[in-house]
Amino acid sequence: MDFCPKNKTMTFEALLAKFHSLNIKDSLNYELMSDILISHHSTAIEGSTLSEEESRLLIMDGLTAKGKPIMHHLMVQDHYNALVEIIELSKRKHIINSEFIQRINANVMKNTGSIINTALGSFDSSKGDWRKVNVHAGTRTFVSFQKVEAMVEKLCDGLQKQIEKEKSVKEIYDLAFDAHYDLVSIHPFADGNGRTSRLLMNYILAYHKMPLSIVFKEDKLDYINALEESRKQEKIEPFRIFMYNQQMKYLLQEIDKVLCQDKIFIK
């Protein structure tokens, strides 16, 4: 075959068209393998030490990785279950509201969250409760906890109105990437904000039957820098550019599996 994407310069739209033309999503076990891959990278970004193969064995066979923390196994399994659920909910066109966001976070944190006691009362990070504390990450201070619920409701109202409209491919991905950015920038939970935001992004993509998106663990620093650059500039473009590059990286890998794998010779 004369097409090998890693040796070509292609636009995002051209890559997506090539992906669809190969019927990759219809391949045996594609959705399962994709969900495992997404869950592996999303949890690795947040500290899981499981390898991709260890994540696969955990989800497919229930096998734990020797010497790896049980919390990391629970992170991966919870994320996978949450991803499977949002894909099913996308088929039913489930409404995006604050309860839906809390439901995603509760699934993500189901087995690793806990009750957190503060001067203003207790809340349960395993149940999708809004945080009752202010949050700092590096030099970043997120919105005060008193504003969280109203900001999430406003975000959800806007997303629900937009998701139902007919859109071009670019408009769909822009909406998904922007939702990811907006939710993680509100940081409404004590933990699991990144995973929840990436799942919201993939809900929107699944809703429109688009290939899902991955933030690769090896690009974590670039991911953080893109978020910070967009916040610094007060413009979404740096984050969008990063996410489109991530999506192209994923599409290239999937196309490469089909068209550029080494031939196997049987003697």
Protein backbone atom coordinates (compact mmCIF):
# COMPACT_ATOMS: atom_id res chain seq x y z
CA MET A 1 0.00 0.00 0.00
CA ASP A 2 1.30 3.44 -0.84
CA PHE A 3 -0.43 5.33 1.97
CA CYS A 4 1.42 5.60 5.24
CA PRO A 5 0.10 8.55 7.28
CA LYS A 6 3.21 9.05 9.36
CA ASN A 7 4.99 9.95 6.13
CA LYS A 8 2.31 12.38 4.94
CA THR A 9 1.23 15.88 5.89
CA MET A 10 -2.55 15.88 6.19
CA THR A 11 -5.18 18.20 7.58
CA PHE A 12 -7.38 17.16 10.46
CA GLU A 13 -10.38 16.85 8.17
CA ALA A 14 -8.44 14.67 5.72
CA LEU A 15 -7.26 12.38 8.50
CA LEU A 16 -10.77 12.06 9.86
CA ALA A 17 -12.10 11.25 6.39
CA LYS A 18 -9.41 8.59 5.96
CA PHE A 19 -10.27 7.13 9.36
CA HIS A 20 -13.94 6.88 8.39
CA SER A 21 -13.17 5.48 4.93
CA LEU A 22 -11.33 2.55 6.48
CA ASN A 23 -14.34 1.69 8.70
CA ILE A 24 -11.97 1.48 11.66
CA LYS A 25 -14.79 1.94 14.18
CA ASP A 26 -16.45 -1.18 12.79
CA SER A 27 -13.39 -3.33 13.47
CA LEU A 28 -13.71 -6.20 15.92
CA ASN A 29 -13.28 -4.95 19.51
CA TYR A 30 -12.44 -1.41 18.35
CA GLU A 31 -14.67 0.27 20.92
CA LEU A 32 -13.36 -1.90 23.76
CA MET A 33 -9.72 -1.26 22.84
CA SER A 34 -10.40 2.46 22.37
CA ASP A 35 -12.12 2.74 25.76
CA ILE A 36 -9.23 0.95 27.45
CA LEU A 37 -6.68 3.19 25.72
CA ILE A 38 -8.53 6.35 26.74
CA SER A 39 -8.90 5.12 30.33
CA HIS A 40 -5.23 4.20 30.52
CA HIS A 41 -3.97 7.58 29.37
CA SER A 42 -6.52 9.63 31.33
CA THR A 43 -5.64 7.91 34.61
CA ALA A 44 -1.90 7.87 33.89
CA ILE A 45 -2.04 11.66 33.59
CA GLU A 46 -3.48 11.70 37.13
CA GLY A 47 -0.84 9.39 38.61
CA SER A 48 -1.76 5.80 37.79
CA THR A 49 1.35 3.67 37.26
CA LEU A 50 -0.37 0.90 35.31
CA SER A 51 0.98 0.32 31.82
CA GLU A 52 -1.33 0.10 28.83
CA GLU A 53 -1.04 -3.69 28.85
CA GLU A 54 -1.70 -3.84 32.60
CA SER A 55 -4.78 -1.66 32.12
CA ARG A 56 -5.96 -3.99 29.37
CA LEU A 57 -5.49 -7.12 31.49
CA LEU A 58 -7.30 -5.48 34.39
CA ILE A 59 -10.34 -4.51 32.37
CA MET A 60 -10.56 -7.55 30.13
CA ASP A 61 -9.46 -10.32 32.49
CA GLY A 62 -9.70 -8.83 35.98
CA LEU A 63 -5.97 -9.35 36.54
CA THR A 64 -4.07 -6.99 38.81
CA ALA A 65 -0.53 -5.81 38.17
CA LYS A 66 2.00 -7.21 40.60
CA GLY A 67 3.48 -4.57 42.86
CA LYS A 68 1.20 -1.75 41.68
CA PRO A 69 -1.04 0.14 44.18
CA ILE A 70 -4.65 -1.03 44.41
CA MET A 71 -5.73 2.62 44.17
CA HIS A 72 -4.27 2.81 40.68
CA HIS A 73 -6.24 -0.26 39.64
CA LEU A 74 -9.41 1.29 41.03
CA MET A 75 -8.73 4.54 39.16
CA VAL A 76 -8.46 2.70 35.84
CA GLN A 77 -11.50 0.47 36.42
CA ASP A 78 -13.65 3.38 37.59
CA HIS A 79 -12.67 5.51 34.61
CA TYR A 80 -13.42 2.69 32.19
CA ASN A 81 -16.86 2.13 33.75
CA ALA A 82 -17.58 5.86 33.63
CA LEU A 83 -16.57 6.03 29.96
CA VAL A 84 -18.76 3.07 29.02
CA GLU A 85 -21.69 4.74 30.77
CA ILE A 86 -21.32 8.11 29.06
CA ILE A 87 -21.16 6.41 25.68
CA GLU A 88 -24.41 4.58 26.44
CA LEU A 89 -26.00 7.81 27.70
CA SER A 90 -24.93 9.60 24.51
CA LYS A 91 -26.99 7.13 22.49
CA ARG A 92 -30.05 8.18 24.52
CA LYS A 93 -29.19 11.87 24.13
CA HIS A 94 -29.04 12.36 27.89
CA ILE A 95 -29.39 15.98 28.91
CA ILE A 96 -26.29 17.86 30.02
CA ASN A 97 -26.99 19.44 33.40
CA SER A 98 -25.19 19.85 36.70
CA GLU A 99 -26.50 16.48 37.95
CA PHE A 100 -25.00 14.82 34.88
CA ILE A 101 -21.59 16.38 35.60
CA GLN A 102 -21.81 15.20 39.20
CA ARG A 103 -22.77 11.72 38.00
CA ILE A 104 -19.66 11.52 35.83
CA ASN A 105 -17.45 12.61 38.70
CA ALA A 106 -19.10 10.19 41.13
CA ASN A 107 -18.34 7.33 38.74
CA VAL A 108 -14.75 8.48 38.27
CA MET A 109 -14.21 8.74 42.05
CA LYS A 110 -16.43 5.83 43.09
CA ASN A 111 -13.74 3.72 44.73
CA THR A 112 -11.03 6.28 45.40
CA GLY A 113 -12.98 9.22 46.83
CA SER A 114 -13.71 9.86 50.49
CA ILE A 115 -15.51 12.13 52.95
CA ILE A 116 -13.68 15.43 53.34
CA ASN A 117 -14.23 17.54 56.45
CA THR A 118 -13.93 21.31 56.23
CA ALA A 119 -14.77 24.28 58.41
CA LEU A 120 -17.89 24.73 56.29
CA GLY A 121 -19.03 21.15 56.58
CA SER A 122 -18.31 17.75 55.11
CA PHE A 123 -18.65 16.57 51.53
CA ASP A 124 -18.05 13.25 49.83
CA SER A 125 -15.68 13.20 46.85
CA SER A 126 -16.90 9.70 45.94
CA LYS A 127 -20.46 10.98 45.42
CA GLY A 128 -19.81 13.88 43.06
CA ASP A 129 -20.33 16.53 45.74
CA TRP A 130 -19.24 20.05 44.88
CA ARG A 131 -16.11 21.05 46.73
CA LYS A 132 -16.47 23.16 49.85
CA VAL A 133 -12.88 24.34 49.82
CA ASN A 134 -10.83 26.60 47.59
CA VAL A 135 -8.31 24.86 45.34
CA HIS A 136 -4.78 25.76 44.27
CA ALA A 137 -2.69 23.87 41.71
CA GLY A 138 0.84 25.16 41.24
CA THR A 139 0.48 28.92 40.76
CA ARG A 140 -3.16 28.57 39.67
CA THR A 141 -6.02 29.48 42.02
CA PHE A 142 -9.40 28.26 40.80
CA VAL A 143 -12.75 29.96 41.32
CA SER A 144 -14.01 30.13 44.90
CA PHE A 145 -16.15 27.19 45.92
CA GLN A 146 -19.17 29.46 46.45
CA LYS A 147 -19.30 30.13 42.69
CA VAL A 148 -18.88 26.54 41.52
CA GLU A 149 -22.46 25.34 41.27
CA ALA A 150 -23.76 28.42 39.44
CA MET A 151 -20.84 28.35 37.00
CA VAL A 152 -21.37 24.67 36.20
CA GLU A 153 -25.10 25.25 35.68
CA LYS A 154 -24.36 28.11 33.28
CA LEU A 155 -21.86 25.95 31.39
CA CYS A 156 -24.34 23.08 31.13
CA ASP A 157 -27.14 25.35 29.89
CA GLY A 158 -24.92 26.60 27.09
CA LEU A 159 -23.69 23.13 26.17
CA GLN A 160 -27.19 21.65 26.06
CA LYS A 161 -28.36 24.38 23.70
CA GLN A 162 -25.34 23.93 21.45
CA ILE A 163 -25.15 20.13 21.37
CA GLU A 164 -28.59 19.77 19.80
CA LYS A 165 -27.77 21.98 16.82
CA GLU A 166 -26.53 20.64 13.50
CA LYS A 167 -22.80 21.20 13.27
CA SER A 168 -19.81 20.77 11.01
CA VAL A 169 -17.05 18.42 12.12
CA LYS A 170 -14.94 21.36 13.30
CA GLU A 171 -17.84 22.85 15.25
CA ILE A 172 -18.39 19.52 17.02
CA TYR A 173 -14.76 19.18 18.04
CA ASP A 174 -14.54 22.86 19.02
CA LEU A 175 -17.56 22.39 21.29
CA ALA A 176 -16.09 19.26 22.87
CA PHE A 177 -12.63 20.75 23.42
CA ASP A 178 -14.08 23.99 24.77
CA ALA A 179 -16.31 22.08 27.23
CA HIS A 180 -13.24 20.20 28.44
CA TYR A 181 -11.37 23.46 28.97
CA ASP A 182 -14.26 25.27 30.64
CA LEU A 183 -15.08 22.53 33.13
CA VAL A 184 -11.52 21.81 34.16
CA SER A 185 -10.98 25.57 34.60
CA ILE A 186 -13.94 25.76 36.99
CA HIS A 187 -12.47 22.78 38.87
CA PRO A 188 -15.76 22.04 40.68
CA PHE A 189 -14.64 18.93 42.58
CA ALA A 190 -12.06 18.09 45.19
CA ASP A 191 -10.57 15.47 42.85
CA GLY A 192 -11.17 13.92 39.45
CA ASN A 193 -11.63 17.24 37.62
CA GLY A 194 -9.38 16.35 34.70
CA ARG A 195 -10.91 12.94 34.18
CA THR A 196 -14.44 14.33 34.47
CA SER A 197 -13.69 17.12 31.98
CA ARG A 198 -12.18 14.70 29.47
CA LEU A 199 -15.23 12.45 29.83
CA LEU A 200 -17.55 15.40 29.21
CA MET A 201 -15.56 16.13 26.05
CA ASN A 202 -15.97 12.54 24.91
CA TYR A 203 -19.67 12.56 25.72
CA ILE A 204 -20.12 15.38 23.21
CA LEU A 205 -18.07 13.52 20.60
CA ALA A 206 -19.98 10.27 21.21
CA TYR A 207 -23.27 12.20 20.99
CA HIS A 208 -22.29 13.21 17.45
CA LYS A 209 -20.79 9.79 16.64
CA MET A 210 -17.29 11.18 16.21
CA PRO A 211 -14.08 9.33 17.12
CA LEU A 212 -13.34 9.96 20.79
CA SER A 213 -10.37 11.98 21.99
CA ILE A 214 -7.31 11.11 24.04
CA VAL A 215 -4.82 13.27 25.90
CA PHE A 216 -1.68 11.15 25.78
CA LYS A 217 0.16 10.67 29.05
CA GLU A 218 3.53 11.47 27.45
CA ASP A 219 2.16 14.89 26.50
CA LYS A 220 1.04 15.79 30.03
CA LEU A 221 3.36 18.80 30.34
CA ASP A 222 2.23 20.20 26.99
CA TYR A 223 -1.38 19.64 28.12
CA ILE A 224 -0.85 21.64 31.31
CA ASN A 225 1.01 24.36 29.41
CA ALA A 226 -1.79 24.64 26.83
CA LEU A 227 -4.39 25.04 29.58
CA GLU A 228 -2.30 27.69 31.28
CA GLU A 229 -1.55 29.54 28.06
CA SER A 230 -5.25 29.77 27.22
CA ARG A 231 -5.99 31.08 30.71
CA LYS A 232 -3.13 33.57 30.48
CA GLN A 233 -4.22 34.87 27.06
CA GLU A 234 -7.93 34.53 27.90
CA LYS A 235 -8.28 32.83 24.52
CA ILE A 236 -9.25 29.23 23.77
CA GLU A 237 -6.97 28.88 20.71
CA PRO A 238 -3.83 27.51 22.46
CA PHE A 239 -5.85 24.73 24.05
CA ARG A 240 -7.75 23.96 20.85
CA ILE A 241 -4.51 23.72 18.90
CA PHE A 242 -3.11 21.28 21.46
CA MET A 243 -6.27 19.14 21.39
CA TYR A 244 -6.45 19.04 17.59
CA ASN A 245 -2.83 17.87 17.55
CA GLN A 246 -3.69 15.18 20.08
CA GLN A 247 -6.65 14.07 17.98
CA MET A 248 -4.52 13.91 14.84
CA LYS A 249 -1.93 11.88 16.73
CA TYR A 250 -4.62 9.40 17.72
CA LEU A 251 -6.11 9.18 14.22
CA LEU A 252 -2.65 8.67 12.73
CA GLN A 253 -1.97 5.82 15.15
CA GLU A 254 -5.26 4.11 14.33
CA ILE A 255 -4.79 4.49 10.57
CA ASP A 256 -1.20 3.30 10.92
CA LYS A 257 -2.41 0.08 12.57
CA VAL A 258 -4.44 -0.70 9.47
CA LEU A 259 -2.20 0.50 6.66
CA CYS A 260 1.39 0.64 7.86
CA GLN A 261 1.90 -2.42 10.02
CA ASP A 262 4.79 -4.70 9.18
CA LYS A 263 3.97 -7.67 6.99
CA ILE A 264 3.98 -11.08 8.65
CA PHE A 265 5.64 -13.78 6.57
CA ILE A 266 4.69 -17.38 7.21
CA LYS A 267 7.31 -19.85 6.06
